[in-house]
Amino acid sequence: ALIENGLLSQDICLVARTNHLVDEYGSQLQQLGI
């Protein structure tokens, strides 16, 4: 929704507490096409 409204993907950051969680969310988003 943010990108559709004109925001660039590089202006968005997903933040998590640990490296393990960062990698887990990254994997989930990539599987969902992000």
PDB file of all heavy atoms in Angstrom:
ATOM      1  N   ALA A   1       0.833  -1.207   0.000  1.00  0.00           N
ATOM      2  CA  ALA A   1       0.000   0.000   0.000  1.00  0.00           C
ATOM      3  C   ALA A   1       0.869   1.259   0.000  1.00  0.00           C
ATOM      4  O   ALA A   1       0.558   2.242  -0.690  1.00  0.00           O
ATOM      5  CB  ALA A   1      -0.922  -0.008   1.222  1.00  0.00           C
ATOM      6  N   LEU A   2       1.951   1.234   0.753  1.00  0.00           N
ATOM      7  CA  LEU A   2       2.854   2.387   0.814  1.00  0.00           C
ATOM      8  C   LEU A   2       3.494   2.646  -0.546  1.00  0.00           C
ATOM      9  O   LEU A   2       3.600   3.795  -0.994  1.00  0.00           O
ATOM     10  CB  LEU A   2       3.934   2.155   1.868  1.00  0.00           C
ATOM     11  CG  LEU A   2       3.461   2.161   3.327  1.00  0.00           C
ATOM     12  CD1 LEU A   2       4.527   1.578   4.237  1.00  0.00           C
ATOM     13  CD2 LEU A   2       3.109   3.590   3.761  1.00  0.00           C
ATOM     14  N   ILE A   3       3.928   1.581  -1.198  1.00  0.00           N
ATOM     15  CA  ILE A   3       4.574   1.727  -2.507  1.00  0.00           C
ATOM     16  C   ILE A   3       3.568   2.198  -3.551  1.00  0.00           C
ATOM     17  O   ILE A   3       3.879   3.031  -4.413  1.00  0.00           O
ATOM     18  CB  ILE A   3       5.251   0.403  -2.917  1.00  0.00           C
ATOM     19  CG1 ILE A   3       6.427   0.104  -1.966  1.00  0.00           C
ATOM     20  CG2 ILE A   3       5.732   0.462  -4.350  1.00  0.00           C
ATOM     21  CD1 ILE A   3       7.071  -1.247  -2.172  1.00  0.00           C
ATOM     22  N   GLU A   4       2.335   1.695  -3.482  1.00  0.00           N
ATOM     23  CA  GLU A   4       1.292   2.131  -4.413  1.00  0.00           C
ATOM     24  C   GLU A   4       1.001   3.620  -4.255  1.00  0.00           C
ATOM     25  O   GLU A   4       0.625   4.300  -5.213  1.00  0.00           O
ATOM     26  CB  GLU A   4       0.008   1.331  -4.181  1.00  0.00           C
ATOM     27  CG  GLU A   4       0.068  -0.095  -4.726  1.00  0.00           C
ATOM     28  CD  GLU A   4      -1.186  -0.895  -4.390  1.00  0.00           C
ATOM     29  OE1 GLU A   4      -2.149  -0.275  -3.880  1.00  0.00           O
ATOM     30  OE2 GLU A   4      -1.202  -2.112  -4.635  1.00  0.00           O
ATOM     31  N   ASN A   5       1.205   4.129  -3.052  1.00  0.00           N
ATOM     32  CA  ASN A   5       0.974   5.553  -2.784  1.00  0.00           C
ATOM     33  C   ASN A   5       2.191   6.411  -3.102  1.00  0.00           C
ATOM     34  O   ASN A   5       2.235   7.596  -2.748  1.00  0.00           O
ATOM     35  CB  ASN A   5       0.566   5.759  -1.321  1.00  0.00           C
ATOM     36  CG  ASN A   5      -0.853   5.287  -1.056  1.00  0.00           C
ATOM     37  OD1 ASN A   5      -1.705   5.344  -1.937  1.00  0.00           O
ATOM     38  ND2 ASN A   5      -1.108   4.812   0.159  1.00  0.00           N
ATOM     39  N   GLY A   6       3.188   5.814  -3.755  1.00  0.00           N
ATOM     40  CA  GLY A   6       4.321   6.603  -4.237  1.00  0.00           C
ATOM     41  C   GLY A   6       5.598   6.516  -3.430  1.00  0.00           C
ATOM     42  O   GLY A   6       6.599   7.145  -3.788  1.00  0.00           O
ATOM     43  N   LEU A   7       5.599   5.747  -2.338  1.00  0.00           N
ATOM     44  CA  LEU A   7       6.804   5.634  -1.532  1.00  0.00           C
ATOM     45  C   LEU A   7       7.770   4.643  -2.170  1.00  0.00           C
ATOM     46  O   LEU A   7       7.366   3.588  -2.661  1.00  0.00           O
ATOM     47  CB  LEU A   7       6.443   5.156  -0.112  1.00  0.00           C
ATOM     48  CG  LEU A   7       7.498   5.348   0.973  1.00  0.00           C
ATOM     49  CD1 LEU A   7       7.764   6.827   1.213  1.00  0.00           C
ATOM     50  CD2 LEU A   7       7.039   4.689   2.274  1.00  0.00           C
ATOM     51  N   LEU A   8       9.045   4.969  -2.183  1.00  0.00           N
ATOM     52  CA  LEU A   8      10.056   4.056  -2.702  1.00  0.00           C
ATOM     53  C   LEU A   8      10.318   2.949  -1.689  1.00  0.00           C
ATOM     54  O   LEU A   8      10.289   3.185  -0.477  1.00  0.00           O
ATOM     55  CB  LEU A   8      11.356   4.809  -2.992  1.00  0.00           C
ATOM     56  CG  LEU A   8      11.292   5.905  -4.060  1.00  0.00           C
ATOM     57  CD1 LEU A   8      12.628   6.629  -4.145  1.00  0.00           C
ATOM     58  CD2 LEU A   8      10.915   5.314  -5.411  1.00  0.00           C
ATOM     59  N   SER A   9      10.599   1.754  -2.184  1.00  0.00           N
ATOM     60  CA  SER A   9      10.828   0.624  -1.271  1.00  0.00           C
ATOM     61  C   SER A   9      12.011   0.878  -0.356  1.00  0.00           C
ATOM     62  O   SER A   9      12.011   0.448   0.809  1.00  0.00           O
ATOM     63  CB  SER A   9      11.053  -0.664  -2.072  1.00  0.00           C
ATOM     64  OG  SER A   9      12.185  -0.540  -2.921  1.00  0.00           O
ATOM     65  N   GLN A  10      13.029   1.593  -0.840  1.00  0.00           N
ATOM     66  CA  GLN A  10      14.219   1.847  -0.018  1.00  0.00           C
ATOM     67  C   GLN A  10      13.989   2.878   1.079  1.00  0.00           C
ATOM     68  O   GLN A  10      14.866   3.098   1.916  1.00  0.00           O
ATOM     69  CB  GLN A  10      15.399   2.279  -0.887  1.00  0.00           C
ATOM     70  CG  GLN A  10      15.129   3.433  -1.843  1.00  0.00           C
ATOM     71  CD  GLN A  10      14.760   2.959  -3.232  1.00  0.00           C
ATOM     72  OE1 GLN A  10      13.901   2.106  -3.397  1.00  0.00           O
ATOM     73  NE2 GLN A  10      15.426   3.501  -4.243  1.00  0.00           N
ATOM     74  N   ASP A  11      12.816   3.500   1.073  1.00  0.00           N
ATOM     75  CA  ASP A  11      12.464   4.433   2.151  1.00  0.00           C
ATOM     76  C   ASP A  11      11.688   3.744   3.272  1.00  0.00           C
ATOM     77  O   ASP A  11      11.166   4.403   4.173  1.00  0.00           O
ATOM     78  CB  ASP A  11      11.632   5.593   1.601  1.00  0.00           C
ATOM     79  CG  ASP A  11      12.464   6.527   0.734  1.00  0.00           C
ATOM     80  OD1 ASP A  11      13.676   6.650   1.006  1.00  0.00           O
ATOM     81  OD2 ASP A  11      11.911   7.124  -0.207  1.00  0.00           O
ATOM     82  N   ILE A  12      11.589   2.411   3.190  1.00  0.00           N
ATOM     83  CA  ILE A  12      10.881   1.607   4.190  1.00  0.00           C
ATOM     84  C   ILE A  12      11.888   0.671   4.862  1.00  0.00           C
ATOM     85  O   ILE A  12      12.713   0.061   4.192  1.00  0.00           O
ATOM     86  CB  ILE A  12       9.765   0.765   3.545  1.00  0.00           C
ATOM     87  CG1 ILE A  12       8.795   1.667   2.766  1.00  0.00           C
ATOM     88  CG2 ILE A  12       9.017  -0.055   4.593  1.00  0.00           C
ATOM     89  CD1 ILE A  12       7.816   0.898   1.899  1.00  0.00           C
ATOM     90  N   CYS A  13      11.829   0.572   6.175  1.00  0.00           N
ATOM     91  CA  CYS A  13      12.732  -0.334   6.890  1.00  0.00           C
ATOM     92  C   CYS A  13      11.948  -1.194   7.868  1.00  0.00           C
ATOM     93  O   CYS A  13      11.139  -0.681   8.656  1.00  0.00           O
ATOM     94  CB  CYS A  13      13.798   0.451   7.651  1.00  0.00           C
ATOM     95  SG  CYS A  13      15.056  -0.595   8.440  1.00  0.00           S
ATOM     96  N   LEU A  14      12.173  -2.512   7.791  1.00  0.00           N
ATOM     97  CA  LEU A  14      11.618  -3.426   8.781  1.00  0.00           C
ATOM     98  C   LEU A  14      12.692  -3.679   9.837  1.00  0.00           C
ATOM     99  O   LEU A  14      13.819  -4.058   9.506  1.00  0.00           O
ATOM    100  CB  LEU A  14      11.192  -4.739   8.131  1.00  0.00           C
ATOM    101  CG  LEU A  14      10.524  -5.748   9.086  1.00  0.00           C
ATOM    102  CD1 LEU A  14       9.430  -6.522   8.372  1.00  0.00           C
ATOM    103  CD2 LEU A  14      11.540  -6.733   9.682  1.00  0.00           C
ATOM    104  N   VAL A  15      12.333  -3.472  11.096  1.00  0.00           N
ATOM    105  CA  VAL A  15      13.277  -3.579  12.198  1.00  0.00           C
ATOM    106  C   VAL A  15      12.820  -4.670  13.155  1.00  0.00           C
ATOM    107  O   VAL A  15      11.639  -4.734  13.514  1.00  0.00           O
ATOM    108  CB  VAL A  15      13.386  -2.235  12.963  1.00  0.00           C
ATOM    109  CG1 VAL A  15      14.357  -2.352  14.124  1.00  0.00           C
ATOM    110  CG2 VAL A  15      13.810  -1.118  12.018  1.00  0.00           C
ATOM    111  N   ALA A  16      13.738  -5.534  13.565  1.00  0.00           N
ATOM    112  CA  ALA A  16      13.449  -6.565  14.568  1.00  0.00           C
ATOM    113  C   ALA A  16      14.570  -6.592  15.597  1.00  0.00           C
ATOM    114  O   ALA A  16      15.649  -6.032  15.383  1.00  0.00           O
ATOM    115  CB  ALA A  16      13.276  -7.929  13.911  1.00  0.00           C
ATOM    116  N   ARG A  17      14.330  -7.269  16.706  1.00  0.00           N
ATOM    117  CA  ARG A  17      15.266  -7.219  17.837  1.00  0.00           C
ATOM    118  C   ARG A  17      16.554  -7.977  17.573  1.00  0.00           C
ATOM    119  O   ARG A  17      17.637  -7.538  17.988  1.00  0.00           O
ATOM    120  CB  ARG A  17      14.575  -7.768  19.100  1.00  0.00           C
ATOM    121  CG  ARG A  17      15.472  -7.839  20.342  1.00  0.00           C
ATOM    122  CD  ARG A  17      15.933  -6.473  20.781  1.00  0.00           C
ATOM    123  NE  ARG A  17      16.771  -6.551  21.968  1.00  0.00           N
ATOM    124  CZ  ARG A  17      18.085  -6.773  21.955  1.00  0.00           C
ATOM    125  NH1 ARG A  17      18.714  -6.954  20.791  1.00  0.00           N
ATOM    126  NH2 ARG A  17      18.779  -6.805  23.076  1.00  0.00           N
ATOM    127  N   THR A  18      16.496  -9.120  16.890  1.00  0.00           N
ATOM    128  CA  THR A  18      17.674  -9.964  16.708  1.00  0.00           C
ATOM    129  C   THR A  18      17.939 -10.236  15.230  1.00  0.00           C
ATOM    130  O   THR A  18      17.047 -10.116  14.390  1.00  0.00           O
ATOM    131  CB  THR A  18      17.497 -11.310  17.426  1.00  0.00           C
ATOM    132  OG1 THR A  18      16.439 -12.047  16.773  1.00  0.00           O
ATOM    133  CG2 THR A  18      17.141 -11.116  18.896  1.00  0.00           C
ATOM    134  N   ASN A  19      19.166 -10.633  14.938  1.00  0.00           N
ATOM    135  CA  ASN A  19      19.515 -11.006  13.573  1.00  0.00           C
ATOM    136  C   ASN A  19      18.678 -12.185  13.085  1.00  0.00           C
ATOM    137  O   ASN A  19      18.274 -12.241  11.917  1.00  0.00           O
ATOM    138  CB  ASN A  19      21.005 -11.364  13.493  1.00  0.00           C
ATOM    139  CG  ASN A  19      21.850 -10.159  13.099  1.00  0.00           C
ATOM    140  OD1 ASN A  19      21.641  -9.543  12.064  1.00  0.00           O
ATOM    141  ND2 ASN A  19      22.794  -9.823  13.960  1.00  0.00           N
ATOM    142  N   HIS A  20      18.445 -13.143  13.987  1.00  0.00           N
ATOM    143  CA  HIS A  20      17.638 -14.311  13.617  1.00  0.00           C
ATOM    144  C   HIS A  20      16.249 -13.885  13.159  1.00  0.00           C
ATOM    145  O   HIS A  20      15.736 -14.369  12.133  1.00  0.00           O
ATOM    146  CB  HIS A  20      17.528 -15.272  14.805  1.00  0.00           C
ATOM    147  CG  HIS A  20      16.584 -16.415  14.570  1.00  0.00           C
ATOM    148  ND1 HIS A  20      16.898 -17.490  13.754  1.00  0.00           N
ATOM    149  CD2 HIS A  20      15.307 -16.632  15.012  1.00  0.00           C
ATOM    150  CE1 HIS A  20      15.871 -18.321  13.720  1.00  0.00           C
ATOM    151  NE2 HIS A  20      14.894 -17.826  14.471  1.00  0.00           N
ATOM    152  N   LEU A  21      15.613 -12.978  13.902  1.00  0.00           N
ATOM    153  CA  LEU A  21      14.280 -12.519  13.520  1.00  0.00           C
ATOM    154  C   LEU A  21      14.318 -11.703  12.234  1.00  0.00           C
ATOM    155  O   LEU A  21      13.411 -11.806  11.397  1.00  0.00           O
ATOM    156  CB  LEU A  21      13.672 -11.684  14.648  1.00  0.00           C
ATOM    157  CG  LEU A  21      12.884 -12.446  15.717  1.00  0.00           C
ATOM    158  CD1 LEU A  21      12.426 -11.501  16.809  1.00  0.00           C
ATOM    159  CD2 LEU A  21      11.682 -13.164  15.106  1.00  0.00           C
ATOM    160  N   VAL A  22      15.345 -10.880  12.074  1.00  0.00           N
ATOM    161  CA  VAL A  22      15.479 -10.106  10.834  1.00  0.00           C
ATOM    162  C   VAL A  22      15.520 -11.047   9.637  1.00  0.00           C
ATOM    163  O   VAL A  22      14.829 -10.845   8.626  1.00  0.00           O
ATOM    164  CB  VAL A  22      16.741  -9.221  10.880  1.00  0.00           C
ATOM    165  CG1 VAL A  22      17.044  -8.649   9.492  1.00  0.00           C
ATOM    166  CG2 VAL A  22      16.561  -8.080  11.867  1.00  0.00           C
ATOM    167  N   ASP A  23      16.314 -12.102   9.742  1.00  0.00           N
ATOM    168  CA  ASP A  23      16.414 -13.065   8.642  1.00  0.00           C
ATOM    169  C   ASP A  23      15.091 -13.801   8.412  1.00  0.00           C
ATOM    170  O   ASP A  23      14.708 -14.070   7.265  1.00  0.00           O
ATOM    171  CB  ASP A  23      17.527 -14.075   8.933  1.00  0.00           C
ATOM    172  CG  ASP A  23      18.909 -13.438   8.917  1.00  0.00           C
ATOM    173  OD1 ASP A  23      19.053 -12.361   8.302  1.00  0.00           O
ATOM    174  OD2 ASP A  23      19.833 -14.004   9.537  1.00  0.00           O
ATOM    175  N   GLU A  24      14.389 -14.112   9.502  1.00  0.00           N
ATOM    176  CA  GLU A  24      13.113 -14.818   9.379  1.00  0.00           C
ATOM    177  C   GLU A  24      12.083 -13.950   8.654  1.00  0.00           C
ATOM    178  O   GLU A  24      11.387 -14.420   7.744  1.00  0.00           O
ATOM    179  CB  GLU A  24      12.607 -15.201  10.765  1.00  0.00           C
ATOM    180  CG  GLU A  24      11.257 -15.896  10.778  1.00  0.00           C
ATOM    181  CD  GLU A  24      11.268 -17.262  10.109  1.00  0.00           C
ATOM    182  OE1 GLU A  24      12.371 -17.865   9.982  1.00  0.00           O
ATOM    183  OE2 GLU A  24      10.193 -17.729   9.694  1.00  0.00           O
ATOM    184  N   TYR A  25      11.988 -12.671   9.049  1.00  0.00           N
ATOM    185  CA  TYR A  25      11.034 -11.786   8.368  1.00  0.00           C
ATOM    186  C   TYR A  25      11.446 -11.552   6.921  1.00  0.00           C
ATOM    187  O   TYR A  25      10.597 -11.474   6.028  1.00  0.00           O
ATOM    188  CB  TYR A  25      10.914 -10.458   9.118  1.00  0.00           C
ATOM    189  CG  TYR A  25      10.077 -10.559  10.365  1.00  0.00           C
ATOM    190  CD1 TYR A  25      10.673 -10.530  11.625  1.00  0.00           C
ATOM    191  CD2 TYR A  25       8.695 -10.693  10.285  1.00  0.00           C
ATOM    192  CE1 TYR A  25       9.916 -10.641  12.775  1.00  0.00           C
ATOM    193  CE2 TYR A  25       7.923 -10.797  11.432  1.00  0.00           C
ATOM    194  CZ  TYR A  25       8.537 -10.776  12.671  1.00  0.00           C
ATOM    195  OH  TYR A  25       7.780 -10.889  13.808  1.00  0.00           O
ATOM    196  N   GLY A  26      12.749 -11.451   6.678  1.00  0.00           N
ATOM    197  CA  GLY A  26      13.224 -11.282   5.313  1.00  0.00           C
ATOM    198  C   GLY A  26      12.821 -12.451   4.437  1.00  0.00           C
ATOM    199  O   GLY A  26      12.367 -12.268   3.295  1.00  0.00           O
ATOM    200  N   SER A  27      12.959 -13.664   4.968  1.00  0.00           N
ATOM    201  CA  SER A  27      12.569 -14.865   4.230  1.00  0.00           C
ATOM    202  C   SER A  27      11.070 -14.873   3.965  1.00  0.00           C
ATOM    203  O   SER A  27      10.621 -15.186   2.852  1.00  0.00           O
ATOM    204  CB  SER A  27      12.985 -16.110   5.015  1.00  0.00           C
ATOM    205  OG  SER A  27      12.543 -17.291   4.385  1.00  0.00           O
ATOM    206  N   GLN A  28      10.293 -14.524   4.994  1.00  0.00           N
ATOM    207  CA  GLN A  28       8.832 -14.501   4.834  1.00  0.00           C
ATOM    208  C   GLN A  28       8.419 -13.493   3.760  1.00  0.00           C
ATOM    209  O   GLN A  28       7.567 -13.790   2.906  1.00  0.00           O
ATOM    210  CB  GLN A  28       8.177 -14.121   6.163  1.00  0.00           C
ATOM    211  CG  GLN A  28       8.319 -15.157   7.262  1.00  0.00           C
ATOM    212  CD  GLN A  28       7.171 -16.159   7.268  1.00  0.00           C
ATOM    213  OE1 GLN A  28       6.161 -15.961   6.615  1.00  0.00           O
ATOM    214  NE2 GLN A  28       7.348 -17.250   8.001  1.00  0.00           N
ATOM    215  N   LEU A  29       9.013 -12.303   3.776  1.00  0.00           N
ATOM    216  CA  LEU A  29       8.634 -11.273   2.811  1.00  0.00           C
ATOM    217  C   LEU A  29       9.058 -11.643   1.398  1.00  0.00           C
ATOM    218  O   LEU A  29       8.322 -11.380   0.429  1.00  0.00           O
ATOM    219  CB  LEU A  29       9.255  -9.924   3.217  1.00  0.00           C
ATOM    220  CG  LEU A  29       8.664  -9.273   4.470  1.00  0.00           C
ATOM    221  CD1 LEU A  29       9.391  -7.976   4.791  1.00  0.00           C
ATOM    222  CD2 LEU A  29       7.169  -9.006   4.305  1.00  0.00           C
ATOM    223  N   GLN A  30      10.229 -12.240   1.274  1.00  0.00           N
ATOM    224  CA  GLN A  30      10.677 -12.656  -0.060  1.00  0.00           C
ATOM    225  C   GLN A  30       9.752 -13.723  -0.641  1.00  0.00           C
ATOM    226  O   GLN A  30       9.446 -13.705  -1.839  1.00  0.00           O
ATOM    227  CB  GLN A  30      12.117 -13.151   0.014  1.00  0.00           C
ATOM    228  CG  GLN A  30      13.121 -12.015   0.193  1.00  0.00           C
ATOM    229  CD  GLN A  30      14.544 -12.503   0.384  1.00  0.00           C
ATOM    230  OE1 GLN A  30      14.775 -13.697   0.567  1.00  0.00           O
ATOM    231  NE2 GLN A  30      15.495 -11.588   0.348  1.00  0.00           N
ATOM    232  N   GLN A  31       9.286 -14.646   0.198  1.00  0.00           N
ATOM    233  CA  GLN A  31       8.337 -15.662  -0.259  1.00  0.00           C
ATOM    234  C   GLN A  31       7.013 -15.036  -0.685  1.00  0.00           C
ATOM    235  O   GLN A  31       6.302 -15.581  -1.537  1.00  0.00           O
ATOM    236  CB  GLN A  31       8.090 -16.688   0.847  1.00  0.00           C
ATOM    237  CG  GLN A  31       9.290 -17.581   1.153  1.00  0.00           C
ATOM    238  CD  GLN A  31       9.033 -18.501   2.331  1.00  0.00           C
ATOM    239  OE1 GLN A  31       7.896 -18.848   2.625  1.00  0.00           O
ATOM    240  NE2 GLN A  31      10.097 -18.889   3.012  1.00  0.00           N
ATOM    241  N   LEU A  32       6.706 -13.878  -0.094  1.00  0.00           N
ATOM    242  CA  LEU A  32       5.461 -13.182  -0.424  1.00  0.00           C
ATOM    243  C   LEU A  32       5.661 -12.169  -1.554  1.00  0.00           C
ATOM    244  O   LEU A  32       4.759 -11.383  -1.861  1.00  0.00           O
ATOM    245  CB  LEU A  32       4.921 -12.470   0.821  1.00  0.00           C
ATOM    246  CG  LEU A  32       4.446 -13.390   1.955  1.00  0.00           C
ATOM    247  CD1 LEU A  32       4.174 -12.590   3.219  1.00  0.00           C
ATOM    248  CD2 LEU A  32       3.194 -14.162   1.525  1.00  0.00           C
ATOM    249  N   GLY A  33       6.866 -12.163  -2.145  1.00  0.00           N
ATOM    250  CA  GLY A  33       7.103 -11.321  -3.313  1.00  0.00           C
ATOM    251  C   GLY A  33       7.617  -9.930  -3.042  1.00  0.00           C
ATOM    252  O   GLY A  33       7.608  -9.076  -3.933  1.00  0.00           O
ATOM    253  N   ILE A  34       8.093  -9.671  -1.822  1.00  0.00           N
ATOM    254  CA  ILE A  34       8.619  -8.348  -1.478  1.00  0.00           C
ATOM    255  C   ILE A  34      10.146  -8.378  -1.567  1.00  0.00           C
ATOM    256  O   ILE A  34      10.805  -9.189  -0.904  1.00  0.00           O
ATOM    257  CB  ILE A  34       8.198  -7.921  -0.064  1.00  0.00           C
ATOM    258  CG1 ILE A  34       6.676  -7.825   0.040  1.00  0.00           C
ATOM    259  CG2 ILE A  34       8.850  -6.597   0.323  1.00  0.00           C
ATOM    260  CD1 ILE A  34       6.049  -6.728  -0.774  1.00  0.00           C
TER     261      ILE A  34
END
